[in-house]
Amino acid sequence: MLPGEFINYSKEEVFKKYKQLRYTKNNNSYFLYLIYTTGTCVYVGETSNIFWRIVKHKNKCSNESVICLQEHSDKKTVLKLEKHLIRVLKPKFNSRYCQATQLELF
């Protein structure tokens, strides 16, 4: 996968593809993910375990939602990208990094 490229999945596809993470404590990959519902980004997040993170997003992620994923090996990169995308996309369920008075330092 090229840097900056997202792969789109349904919720069920994420569960099927990453089911091996159910029992993983220490994963060396970090995921940047965007949840889209009816064509609108409703959440941007990062995690090392995308399987359990999507399970916890019951209220944000329906069966019709599209989950866009990027996998990275560097947590700092993922955190920077997450912060930047939250500020740019202003998703409905993200409150951190969305204040108008914050400067964009990306």
Protein backbone atom coordinates (compact mmCIF):
# COMPACT_ATOMS: atom_id res chain seq x y z
CA MET A 1 0.00 0.00 0.00
CA LEU A 2 1.30 3.43 -0.89
CA PRO A 3 1.53 6.12 1.83
CA GLY A 4 -1.70 8.09 1.97
CA GLU A 5 -3.79 5.36 0.35
CA PHE A 6 -6.85 4.13 2.25
CA ILE A 7 -8.52 0.77 1.70
CA ASN A 8 -12.30 0.72 2.17
CA TYR A 9 -14.05 -2.04 4.12
CA SER A 10 -17.47 -2.79 5.52
CA LYS A 11 -17.69 -3.55 9.24
CA GLU A 12 -18.03 -7.27 8.49
CA GLU A 13 -15.00 -7.19 6.17
CA VAL A 14 -12.88 -5.63 8.94
CA PHE A 15 -13.99 -8.36 11.36
CA LYS A 16 -13.21 -11.08 8.84
CA LYS A 17 -9.83 -9.71 7.67
CA TYR A 18 -8.51 -8.81 11.15
CA LYS A 19 -10.09 -11.55 13.28
CA GLN A 20 -6.59 -12.78 14.22
CA LEU A 21 -6.24 -9.58 16.30
CA ARG A 22 -8.96 -10.78 18.71
CA TYR A 23 -6.34 -12.37 20.94
CA THR A 24 -3.38 -10.10 20.20
CA LYS A 25 -2.09 -7.84 22.96
CA ASN A 26 1.00 -6.33 21.35
CA ASN A 27 0.60 -5.53 17.68
CA ASN A 28 3.42 -3.81 15.76
CA SER A 29 1.00 -2.18 13.33
CA TYR A 30 -0.99 0.98 13.88
CA PHE A 31 -4.19 1.74 12.03
CA LEU A 32 -5.55 5.11 11.01
CA TYR A 33 -9.25 4.74 10.29
CA LEU A 34 -12.13 6.87 9.11
CA ILE A 35 -15.76 5.85 9.53
CA TYR A 36 -18.14 7.11 6.86
CA THR A 37 -21.92 6.91 7.14
CA THR A 38 -24.06 7.98 4.19
CA GLY A 39 -21.01 9.53 2.54
CA THR A 40 -20.05 11.72 5.53
CA CYS A 41 -17.02 11.15 7.75
CA VAL A 42 -18.40 10.70 11.28
CA TYR A 43 -15.21 9.59 13.08
CA VAL A 44 -11.42 9.57 12.66
CA GLY A 45 -9.31 7.42 14.95
CA GLU A 46 -6.15 5.42 15.47
CA THR A 47 -5.56 2.06 17.13
CA SER A 48 -3.18 -0.87 17.24
CA ASN A 49 -6.11 -3.30 17.27
CA ILE A 50 -8.67 -2.44 14.61
CA PHE A 51 -10.80 -5.51 15.39
CA TRP A 52 -11.62 -4.46 18.96
CA ARG A 53 -11.79 -0.77 18.13
CA ILE A 54 -14.57 -1.34 15.60
CA VAL A 55 -16.38 -3.59 18.10
CA LYS A 56 -16.36 -0.67 20.57
CA HIS A 57 -17.77 1.75 17.97
CA LYS A 58 -21.32 0.34 18.16
CA ASN A 59 -22.93 3.79 18.11
CA LYS A 60 -20.69 5.26 15.41
CA CYS A 61 -20.46 2.37 12.98
CA SER A 62 -23.51 0.70 11.43
CA ASN A 63 -23.55 -2.23 9.02
CA GLU A 64 -23.90 0.31 6.19
CA SER A 65 -20.84 2.32 7.26
CA VAL A 66 -17.63 2.35 5.24
CA ILE A 67 -14.39 2.02 7.20
CA CYS A 68 -11.31 3.44 5.47
CA LEU A 69 -8.03 1.99 6.78
CA GLN A 70 -4.35 2.75 6.52
CA GLU A 71 -1.84 0.51 8.27
CA HIS A 72 1.45 2.00 9.51
CA SER A 73 4.47 0.79 11.48
CA ASP A 74 5.09 4.15 13.21
CA LYS A 75 2.69 5.34 15.91
CA LYS A 76 3.90 8.98 15.75
CA THR A 77 2.97 9.16 12.06
CA VAL A 78 -0.50 7.79 12.75
CA LEU A 79 -1.09 10.24 15.59
CA LYS A 80 -0.07 13.21 13.42
CA LEU A 81 -2.29 12.07 10.57
CA GLU A 82 -5.22 11.47 12.92
CA LYS A 83 -4.93 14.95 14.40
CA HIS A 84 -4.68 16.53 10.95
CA LEU A 85 -7.67 14.64 9.52
CA ILE A 86 -9.85 15.48 12.54
CA ARG A 87 -9.12 19.17 12.04
CA VAL A 88 -9.74 19.01 8.29
CA LEU A 89 -12.80 16.73 8.22
CA LYS A 90 -14.38 17.82 11.55
CA PRO A 91 -16.18 14.49 12.08
CA LYS A 92 -19.42 14.51 14.07
CA PHE A 93 -18.12 12.20 16.83
CA ASN A 94 -14.64 13.71 17.29
CA SER A 95 -14.28 16.59 19.68
CA ARG A 96 -10.53 16.68 20.24
CA TYR A 97 -8.51 18.82 17.84
CA CYS A 98 -11.64 20.50 16.45
CA GLN A 99 -11.50 23.78 18.37
CA ALA A 100 -11.34 26.86 16.13
CA THR A 101 -8.60 28.42 18.28
CA GLN A 102 -6.15 25.54 17.79
CA LEU A 103 -3.35 25.98 15.30
CA GLU A 104 -2.67 23.41 12.61
CA LEU A 105 0.94 22.30 13.12
CA PHE A 106 1.04 19.44 10.61
